[in-house]
Amino acid sequence: MCLALPGKVLEIVDAAARTARVDVRGAVRTITLGLLDAEPGDWVLVSLGLAVERISEGDAAETLRLLDELEGPAADGSAGRAHP
């Protein structure tokens, strides 16, 4: 199973090589845009260093909210515990 995370395109690093810097949940990394037409400010789904799809800002926000919600129990150490 692969997981793709929303990332906001910050800048195009090399237009010829189709690389861009994106912010993925606070981590800035360089990715390959592949065949996507993306510009600074666009949101993309990033999987294994490759932008696989452009998404709307609303879809990105909802996905990030869901990821934060899923991490909640793991972050507070209650994951896997039965609640009284």
PDB file of N, CA and C in Angstrom:
ATOM      1  N   MET A   1       0.844  -1.172   0.000  1.00  0.00           N
ATOM      2  CA  MET A   1       0.000   0.000   0.000  1.00  0.00           C
ATOM      3  C   MET A   1       0.888   1.233   0.000  1.00  0.00           C
ATOM      4  N   CYS A   2       0.518   2.202  -0.780  1.00  0.00           N
ATOM      5  CA  CYS A   2       1.246   3.470  -0.841  1.00  0.00           C
ATOM      6  C   CYS A   2       0.389   4.567  -0.227  1.00  0.00           C
ATOM      7  N   LEU A   3       1.059   5.541   0.340  1.00  0.00           N
ATOM      8  CA  LEU A   3       0.374   6.679   0.920  1.00  0.00           C
ATOM      9  C   LEU A   3       0.877   7.933   0.228  1.00  0.00           C
ATOM     10  N   ALA A   4      -0.036   8.762  -0.204  1.00  0.00           N
ATOM     11  CA  ALA A   4       0.320  10.046  -0.809  1.00  0.00           C
ATOM     12  C   ALA A   4      -0.153  11.144   0.126  1.00  0.00           C
ATOM     13  N   LEU A   5       0.704  12.118   0.369  1.00  0.00           N
ATOM     14  CA  LEU A   5       0.394  13.219   1.268  1.00  0.00           C
ATOM     15  C   LEU A   5       0.257  14.518   0.495  1.00  0.00           C
ATOM     16  N   PRO A   6      -0.636  15.393   0.938  1.00  0.00           N
ATOM     17  CA  PRO A   6      -0.767  16.686   0.281  1.00  0.00           C
ATOM     18  C   PRO A   6       0.464  17.552   0.525  1.00  0.00           C
ATOM     19  N   GLY A   7       0.922  18.213  -0.518  1.00  0.00           N
ATOM     20  CA  GLY A   7       2.033  19.150  -0.405  1.00  0.00           C
ATOM     21  C   GLY A   7       1.736  20.407  -1.193  1.00  0.00           C
ATOM     22  N   LYS A   8       2.130  21.547  -0.647  1.00  0.00           N
ATOM     23  CA  LYS A   8       1.927  22.817  -1.340  1.00  0.00           C
ATOM     24  C   LYS A   8       3.208  23.172  -2.083  1.00  0.00           C
ATOM     25  N   VAL A   9       3.081  23.426  -3.370  1.00  0.00           N
ATOM     26  CA  VAL A   9       4.235  23.785  -4.193  1.00  0.00           C
ATOM     27  C   VAL A   9       4.708  25.182  -3.775  1.00  0.00           C
ATOM     28  N   LEU A  10       5.976  25.259  -3.360  1.00  0.00           N
ATOM     29  CA  LEU A  10       6.563  26.534  -2.953  1.00  0.00           C
ATOM     30  C   LEU A  10       7.268  27.225  -4.103  1.00  0.00           C
ATOM     31  N   GLU A  11       8.014  26.435  -4.877  1.00  0.00           N
ATOM     32  CA  GLU A  11       8.749  26.997  -6.014  1.00  0.00           C
ATOM     33  C   GLU A  11       9.133  25.887  -6.981  1.00  0.00           C
ATOM     34  N   ILE A  12       9.283  26.271  -8.232  1.00  0.00           N
ATOM     35  CA  ILE A  12       9.818  25.363  -9.237  1.00  0.00           C
ATOM     36  C   ILE A  12      11.332  25.487  -9.161  1.00  0.00           C
ATOM     37  N   VAL A  13      12.006  24.378  -8.885  1.00  0.00           N
ATOM     38  CA  VAL A  13      13.461  24.386  -8.738  1.00  0.00           C
ATOM     39  C   VAL A  13      14.134  24.339 -10.100  1.00  0.00           C
ATOM     40  N   ASP A  14      13.685  23.436 -10.950  1.00  0.00           N
ATOM     41  CA  ASP A  14      14.275  23.253 -12.275  1.00  0.00           C
ATOM     42  C   ASP A  14      13.153  22.894 -13.245  1.00  0.00           C
ATOM     43  N   ALA A  15      12.771  23.849 -14.062  1.00  0.00           N
ATOM     44  CA  ALA A  15      11.650  23.635 -14.985  1.00  0.00           C
ATOM     45  C   ALA A  15      11.954  22.523 -15.988  1.00  0.00           C
ATOM     46  N   ALA A  16      13.187  22.456 -16.465  1.00  0.00           N
ATOM     47  CA  ALA A  16      13.547  21.431 -17.451  1.00  0.00           C
ATOM     48  C   ALA A  16      13.504  20.031 -16.840  1.00  0.00           C
ATOM     49  N   ALA A  17      13.949  19.915 -15.603  1.00  0.00           N
ATOM     50  CA  ALA A  17      13.962  18.620 -14.927  1.00  0.00           C
ATOM     51  C   ALA A  17      12.634  18.319 -14.235  1.00  0.00           C
ATOM     52  N   ARG A  18      11.712  19.319 -14.242  1.00  0.00           N
ATOM     53  CA  ARG A  18      10.391  19.178 -13.625  1.00  0.00           C
ATOM     54  C   ARG A  18      10.489  18.878 -12.131  1.00  0.00           C
ATOM     55  N   THR A  19      11.338  19.639 -11.414  1.00  0.00           N
ATOM     56  CA  THR A  19      11.439  19.477  -9.973  1.00  0.00           C
ATOM     57  C   THR A  19      10.919  20.720  -9.268  1.00  0.00           C
ATOM     58  N   ALA A  20      10.376  20.512  -8.080  1.00  0.00           N
ATOM     59  CA  ALA A  20       9.811  21.605  -7.307  1.00  0.00           C
ATOM     60  C   ALA A  20      10.065  21.370  -5.827  1.00  0.00           C
ATOM     61  N   ARG A  21      10.060  22.465  -5.069  1.00  0.00           N
ATOM     62  CA  ARG A  21      10.125  22.359  -3.608  1.00  0.00           C
ATOM     63  C   ARG A  21       8.695  22.459  -3.108  1.00  0.00           C
ATOM     64  N   VAL A  22       8.331  21.534  -2.232  1.00  0.00           N
ATOM     65  CA  VAL A  22       6.981  21.511  -1.674  1.00  0.00           C
ATOM     66  C   VAL A  22       7.056  21.427  -0.156  1.00  0.00           C
ATOM     67  N   ASP A  23       6.011  21.922   0.467  1.00  0.00           N
ATOM     68  CA  ASP A  23       5.859  21.816   1.913  1.00  0.00           C
ATOM     69  C   ASP A  23       4.844  20.711   2.175  1.00  0.00           C
ATOM     70  N   VAL A  24       5.321  19.626   2.778  1.00  0.00           N
ATOM     71  CA  VAL A  24       4.462  18.507   3.135  1.00  0.00           C
ATOM     72  C   VAL A  24       4.397  18.435   4.654  1.00  0.00           C
ATOM     73  N   ARG A  25       3.323  18.964   5.219  1.00  0.00           N
ATOM     74  CA  ARG A  25       3.110  18.962   6.665  1.00  0.00           C
ATOM     75  C   ARG A  25       4.288  19.567   7.419  1.00  0.00           C
ATOM     76  N   GLY A  26       4.835  20.660   6.892  1.00  0.00           N
ATOM     77  CA  GLY A  26       5.916  21.371   7.556  1.00  0.00           C
ATOM     78  C   GLY A  26       7.310  20.935   7.150  1.00  0.00           C
ATOM     79  N   ALA A  27       7.425  19.859   6.407  1.00  0.00           N
ATOM     80  CA  ALA A  27       8.724  19.393   5.921  1.00  0.00           C
ATOM     81  C   ALA A  27       8.872  19.833   4.466  1.00  0.00           C
ATOM     82  N   VAL A  28       9.870  20.646   4.206  1.00  0.00           N
ATOM     83  CA  VAL A  28      10.101  21.115   2.839  1.00  0.00           C
ATOM     84  C   VAL A  28      11.044  20.137   2.155  1.00  0.00           C
ATOM     85  N   ARG A  29      10.619  19.691   0.974  1.00  0.00           N
ATOM     86  CA  ARG A  29      11.428  18.724   0.226  1.00  0.00           C
ATOM     87  C   ARG A  29      11.337  19.003  -1.265  1.00  0.00           C
ATOM     88  N   THR A  30      12.305  18.493  -1.985  1.00  0.00           N
ATOM     89  CA  THR A  30      12.306  18.615  -3.445  1.00  0.00           C
ATOM     90  C   THR A  30      11.706  17.345  -4.023  1.00  0.00           C
ATOM     91  N   ILE A  31      10.744  17.529  -4.937  1.00  0.00           N
ATOM     92  CA  ILE A  31      10.076  16.394  -5.557  1.00  0.00           C
ATOM     93  C   ILE A  31      10.106  16.535  -7.069  1.00  0.00           C
ATOM     94  N   THR A  32       9.734  15.472  -7.742  1.00  0.00           N
ATOM     95  CA  THR A  32       9.589  15.479  -9.189  1.00  0.00           C
ATOM     96  C   THR A  32       8.125  15.691  -9.528  1.00  0.00           C
ATOM     97  N   LEU A  33       7.866  16.630 -10.415  1.00  0.00           N
ATOM     98  CA  LEU A  33       6.490  16.888 -10.841  1.00  0.00           C
ATOM     99  C   LEU A  33       6.027  15.912 -11.912  1.00  0.00           C
ATOM    100  N   GLY A  34       6.961  15.252 -12.573  1.00  0.00           N
ATOM    101  CA  GLY A  34       6.584  14.314 -13.622  1.00  0.00           C
ATOM    102  C   GLY A  34       5.855  15.025 -14.736  1.00  0.00           C
ATOM    103  N   LEU A  35       4.673  14.552 -15.052  1.00  0.00           N
ATOM    104  CA  LEU A  35       3.894  15.117 -16.151  1.00  0.00           C
ATOM    105  C   LEU A  35       2.858  16.134 -15.689  1.00  0.00           C
ATOM    106  N   LEU A  36       2.833  16.440 -14.394  1.00  0.00           N
ATOM    107  CA  LEU A  36       1.851  17.402 -13.889  1.00  0.00           C
ATOM    108  C   LEU A  36       2.253  18.828 -14.223  1.00  0.00           C
ATOM    109  N   ASP A  37       1.260  19.639 -14.520  1.00  0.00           N
ATOM    110  CA  ASP A  37       1.470  21.075 -14.659  1.00  0.00           C
ATOM    111  C   ASP A  37       1.123  21.693 -13.315  1.00  0.00           C
ATOM    112  N   ALA A  38       2.133  22.047 -12.548  1.00  0.00           N
ATOM    113  CA  ALA A  38       1.910  22.642 -11.230  1.00  0.00           C
ATOM    114  C   ALA A  38       2.758  23.899 -11.109  1.00  0.00           C
ATOM    115  N   GLU A  39       2.221  24.854 -10.397  1.00  0.00           N
ATOM    116  CA  GLU A  39       2.879  26.136 -10.184  1.00  0.00           C
ATOM    117  C   GLU A  39       2.918  26.429  -8.686  1.00  0.00           C
ATOM    118  N   PRO A  40       3.786  27.357  -8.264  1.00  0.00           N
ATOM    119  CA  PRO A  40       3.793  27.739  -6.853  1.00  0.00           C
ATOM    120  C   PRO A  40       2.382  28.114  -6.390  1.00  0.00           C
ATOM    121  N   GLY A  41       2.027  27.585  -5.226  1.00  0.00           N
ATOM    122  CA  GLY A  41       0.696  27.808  -4.671  1.00  0.00           C
ATOM    123  C   GLY A  41      -0.256  26.649  -4.905  1.00  0.00           C
ATOM    124  N   ASP A  42       0.049  25.797  -5.888  1.00  0.00           N
ATOM    125  CA  ASP A  42      -0.789  24.623  -6.150  1.00  0.00           C
ATOM    126  C   ASP A  42      -0.576  23.564  -5.076  1.00  0.00           C
ATOM    127  N   TRP A  43      -1.575  22.715  -4.892  1.00  0.00           N
ATOM    128  CA  TRP A  43      -1.489  21.565  -4.003  1.00  0.00           C
ATOM    129  C   TRP A  43      -1.382  20.309  -4.851  1.00  0.00           C
ATOM    130  N   VAL A  44      -0.500  19.402  -4.448  1.00  0.00           N
ATOM    131  CA  VAL A  44      -0.321  18.130  -5.141  1.00  0.00           C
ATOM    132  C   VAL A  44      -0.270  17.006  -4.122  1.00  0.00           C
ATOM    133  N   LEU A  45      -0.610  15.806  -4.560  1.00  0.00           N
ATOM    134  CA  LEU A  45      -0.406  14.624  -3.732  1.00  0.00           C
ATOM    135  C   LEU A  45       0.982  14.086  -4.035  1.00  0.00           C
ATOM    136  N   VAL A  46       1.773  13.860  -2.986  1.00  0.00           N
ATOM    137  CA  VAL A  46       3.155  13.427  -3.138  1.00  0.00           C
ATOM    138  C   VAL A  46       3.309  12.007  -2.603  1.00  0.00           C
ATOM    139  N   SER A  47       3.849  11.134  -3.433  1.00  0.00           N
ATOM    140  CA  SER A  47       4.124   9.756  -3.041  1.00  0.00           C
ATOM    141  C   SER A  47       5.523   9.393  -3.519  1.00  0.00           C
ATOM    142  N   LEU A  48       6.368   9.015  -2.583  1.00  0.00           N
ATOM    143  CA  LEU A  48       7.729   8.579  -2.902  1.00  0.00           C
ATOM    144  C   LEU A  48       8.497   9.606  -3.726  1.00  0.00           C
ATOM    145  N   GLY A  49       8.324  10.880  -3.403  1.00  0.00           N
ATOM    146  CA  GLY A  49       9.068  11.936  -4.074  1.00  0.00           C
ATOM    147  C   GLY A  49       8.528  12.350  -5.425  1.00  0.00           C
ATOM    148  N   LEU A  50       7.327  11.883  -5.759  1.00  0.00           N
ATOM    149  CA  LEU A  50       6.722  12.183  -7.050  1.00  0.00           C
ATOM    150  C   LEU A  50       5.327  12.766  -6.842  1.00  0.00           C
ATOM    151  N   ALA A  51       5.048  13.869  -7.500  1.00  0.00           N
ATOM    152  CA  ALA A  51       3.692  14.424  -7.477  1.00  0.00           C
ATOM    153  C   ALA A  51       2.835  13.555  -8.384  1.00  0.00           C
ATOM    154  N   VAL A  52       1.793  12.970  -7.810  1.00  0.00           N
ATOM    155  CA  VAL A  52       0.978  12.042  -8.588  1.00  0.00           C
ATOM    156  C   VAL A  52      -0.351  12.640  -9.044  1.00  0.00           C
ATOM    157  N   GLU A  53      -0.765  13.761  -8.426  1.00  0.00           N
ATOM    158  CA  GLU A  53      -2.042  14.363  -8.804  1.00  0.00           C
ATOM    159  C   GLU A  53      -2.130  15.775  -8.226  1.00  0.00           C
ATOM    160  N   ARG A  54      -2.746  16.692  -8.987  1.00  0.00           N
ATOM    161  CA  ARG A  54      -3.082  18.013  -8.447  1.00  0.00           C
ATOM    162  C   ARG A  54      -4.395  17.893  -7.709  1.00  0.00           C
ATOM    163  N   ILE A  55      -4.510  18.585  -6.568  1.00  0.00           N
ATOM    164  CA  ILE A  55      -5.747  18.562  -5.792  1.00  0.00           C
ATOM    165  C   ILE A  55      -6.111  19.991  -5.405  1.00  0.00           C
ATOM    166  N   SER A  56      -7.353  20.165  -4.988  1.00  0.00           N
ATOM    167  CA  SER A  56      -7.794  21.489  -4.566  1.00  0.00           C
ATOM    168  C   SER A  56      -7.289  21.790  -3.154  1.00  0.00           C
ATOM    169  N   GLU A  57      -7.260  23.056  -2.815  1.00  0.00           N
ATOM    170  CA  GLU A  57      -6.853  23.458  -1.470  1.00  0.00           C
ATOM    171  C   GLU A  57      -7.809  22.859  -0.430  1.00  0.00           C
ATOM    172  N   GLY A  58      -9.094  22.806  -0.764  1.00  0.00           N
ATOM    173  CA  GLY A  58     -10.079  22.224   0.147  1.00  0.00           C
ATOM    174  C   GLY A  58      -9.831  20.745   0.402  1.00  0.00           C
ATOM    175  N   ASP A  59      -9.519  19.998  -0.662  1.00  0.00           N
ATOM    176  CA  ASP A  59      -9.215  18.573  -0.505  1.00  0.00           C
ATOM    177  C   ASP A  59      -7.943  18.380   0.317  1.00  0.00           C
ATOM    178  N   ALA A  60      -6.948  19.246   0.088  1.00  0.00           N
ATOM    179  CA  ALA A  60      -5.705  19.165   0.862  1.00  0.00           C
ATOM    180  C   ALA A  60      -5.988  19.414   2.338  1.00  0.00           C
ATOM    181  N   ALA A  61      -6.775  20.444   2.643  1.00  0.00           N
ATOM    182  CA  ALA A  61      -7.090  20.777   4.031  1.00  0.00           C
ATOM    183  C   ALA A  61      -7.838  19.634   4.712  1.00  0.00           C
ATOM    184  N   GLU A  62      -8.793  19.038   4.016  1.00  0.00           N
ATOM    185  CA  GLU A  62      -9.559  17.934   4.589  1.00  0.00           C
ATOM    186  C   GLU A  62      -8.667  16.722   4.844  1.00  0.00           C
ATOM    187  N   THR A  63      -7.781  16.412   3.910  1.00  0.00           N
ATOM    188  CA  THR A  63      -6.870  15.278   4.086  1.00  0.00           C
ATOM    189  C   THR A  63      -5.928  15.520   5.257  1.00  0.00           C
ATOM    190  N   LEU A  64      -5.393  16.728   5.359  1.00  0.00           N
ATOM    191  CA  LEU A  64      -4.497  17.043   6.473  1.00  0.00           C
ATOM    192  C   LEU A  64      -5.244  16.977   7.809  1.00  0.00           C
ATOM    193  N   ARG A  65      -6.497  17.424   7.825  1.00  0.00           N
ATOM    194  CA  ARG A  65      -7.306  17.347   9.047  1.00  0.00           C
ATOM    195  C   ARG A  65      -7.510  15.890   9.462  1.00  0.00           C
ATOM    196  N   LEU A  66      -7.824  15.041   8.499  1.00  0.00           N
ATOM    197  CA  LEU A  66      -8.016  13.627   8.798  1.00  0.00           C
ATOM    198  C   LEU A  66      -6.727  12.970   9.298  1.00  0.00           C
ATOM    199  N   LEU A  67      -5.606  13.324   8.694  1.00  0.00           N
ATOM    200  CA  LEU A  67      -4.318  12.777   9.155  1.00  0.00           C
ATOM    201  C   LEU A  67      -4.028  13.213  10.585  1.00  0.00           C
ATOM    202  N   ASP A  68      -4.289  14.472  10.889  1.00  0.00           N
ATOM    203  CA  ASP A  68      -4.094  14.959  12.255  1.00  0.00           C
ATOM    204  C   ASP A  68      -5.001  14.214  13.226  1.00  0.00           C
ATOM    205  N   GLU A  69      -6.235  13.971  12.809  1.00  0.00           N
ATOM    206  CA  GLU A  69      -7.182  13.242  13.658  1.00  0.00           C
ATOM    207  C   GLU A  69      -6.707  11.810  13.903  1.00  0.00           C
ATOM    208  N   LEU A  70      -6.212  11.156  12.868  1.00  0.00           N
ATOM    209  CA  LEU A  70      -5.707   9.789  13.020  1.00  0.00           C
ATOM    210  C   LEU A  70      -4.474   9.728  13.910  1.00  0.00           C
ATOM    211  N   GLU A  71      -3.636  10.751  13.846  1.00  0.00           N
ATOM    212  CA  GLU A  71      -2.433  10.775  14.661  1.00  0.00           C
ATOM    213  C   GLU A  71      -2.728  11.089  16.116  1.00  0.00           C
ATOM    214  N   GLY A  72      -3.871  11.685  16.404  1.00  0.00           N
ATOM    215  CA  GLY A  72      -4.210  12.077  17.764  1.00  0.00           C
ATOM    216  C   GLY A  72      -3.995  10.980  18.781  1.00  0.00           C
ATOM    217  N   PRO A  73      -4.628   9.801  18.634  1.00  0.00           N
ATOM    218  CA  PRO A  73      -4.428   8.743  19.620  1.00  0.00           C
ATOM    219  C   PRO A  73      -2.982   8.259  19.695  1.00  0.00           C
ATOM    220  N   ALA A  74      -2.289   8.206  18.579  1.00  0.00           N
ATOM    221  CA  ALA A  74      -0.896   7.756  18.584  1.00  0.00           C
ATOM    222  C   ALA A  74      -0.008   8.771  19.283  1.00  0.00           C
ATOM    223  N   ALA A  75      -0.296  10.045  19.089  1.00  0.00           N
ATOM    224  CA  ALA A  75       0.535  11.097  19.682  1.00  0.00           C
ATOM    225  C   ALA A  75       0.390  11.156  21.195  1.00  0.00           C
ATOM    226  N   ASP A  76      -0.795  10.826  21.734  1.00  0.00           N
ATOM    227  CA  ASP A  76      -0.961  10.904  23.181  1.00  0.00           C
ATOM    228  C   ASP A  76      -0.729   9.575  23.873  1.00  0.00           C
ATOM    229  N   GLY A  77      -0.317   8.565  23.118  1.00  0.00           N
ATOM    230  CA  GLY A  77       0.046   7.281  23.716  1.00  0.00           C
ATOM    231  C   GLY A  77      -1.133   6.374  23.994  1.00  0.00           C
ATOM    232  N   SER A  78      -2.331   6.727  23.575  1.00  0.00           N
ATOM    233  CA  SER A  78      -3.499   5.918  23.876  1.00  0.00           C
ATOM    234  C   SER A  78      -3.858   4.935  22.767  1.00  0.00           C
ATOM    235  N   ALA A  79      -3.073   4.886  21.708  1.00  0.00           N
ATOM    236  CA  ALA A  79      -3.383   3.992  20.593  1.00  0.00           C
ATOM    237  C   ALA A  79      -3.383   2.528  21.091  1.00  0.00           C
ATOM    238  N   GLY A  80      -4.427   1.830  20.742  1.00  0.00           N
ATOM    239  CA  GLY A  80      -4.501   0.420  21.094  1.00  0.00           C
ATOM    240  C   GLY A  80      -4.985   0.142  22.506  1.00  0.00           C
ATOM    241  N   ARG A  81      -5.260   1.162  23.296  1.00  0.00           N
ATOM    242  CA  ARG A  81      -5.747   0.953  24.661  1.00  0.00           C
ATOM    243  C   ARG A  81      -7.266   0.951  24.667  1.00  0.00           C
ATOM    244  N   ALA A  82      -7.801   0.098  25.523  1.00  0.00           N
ATOM    245  CA  ALA A  82      -9.257   0.099  25.719  1.00  0.00           C
ATOM    246  C   ALA A  82      -9.616   1.284  26.607  1.00  0.00           C
ATOM    247  N   HIS A  83     -10.701   1.962  26.273  1.00  0.00           N
ATOM    248  CA  HIS A  83     -11.163   3.075  27.078  1.00  0.00           C
ATOM    249  C   HIS A  83     -12.258   2.588  28.017  1.00  0.00           C
ATOM    250  N   PRO A  84     -12.213   3.023  29.274  1.00  0.00           N
ATOM    251  CA  PRO A  84     -13.229   2.576  30.244  1.00  0.00           C
ATOM    252  C   PRO A  84     -14.598   3.108  29.922  1.00  0.00           C
TER     253      PRO A  84
END
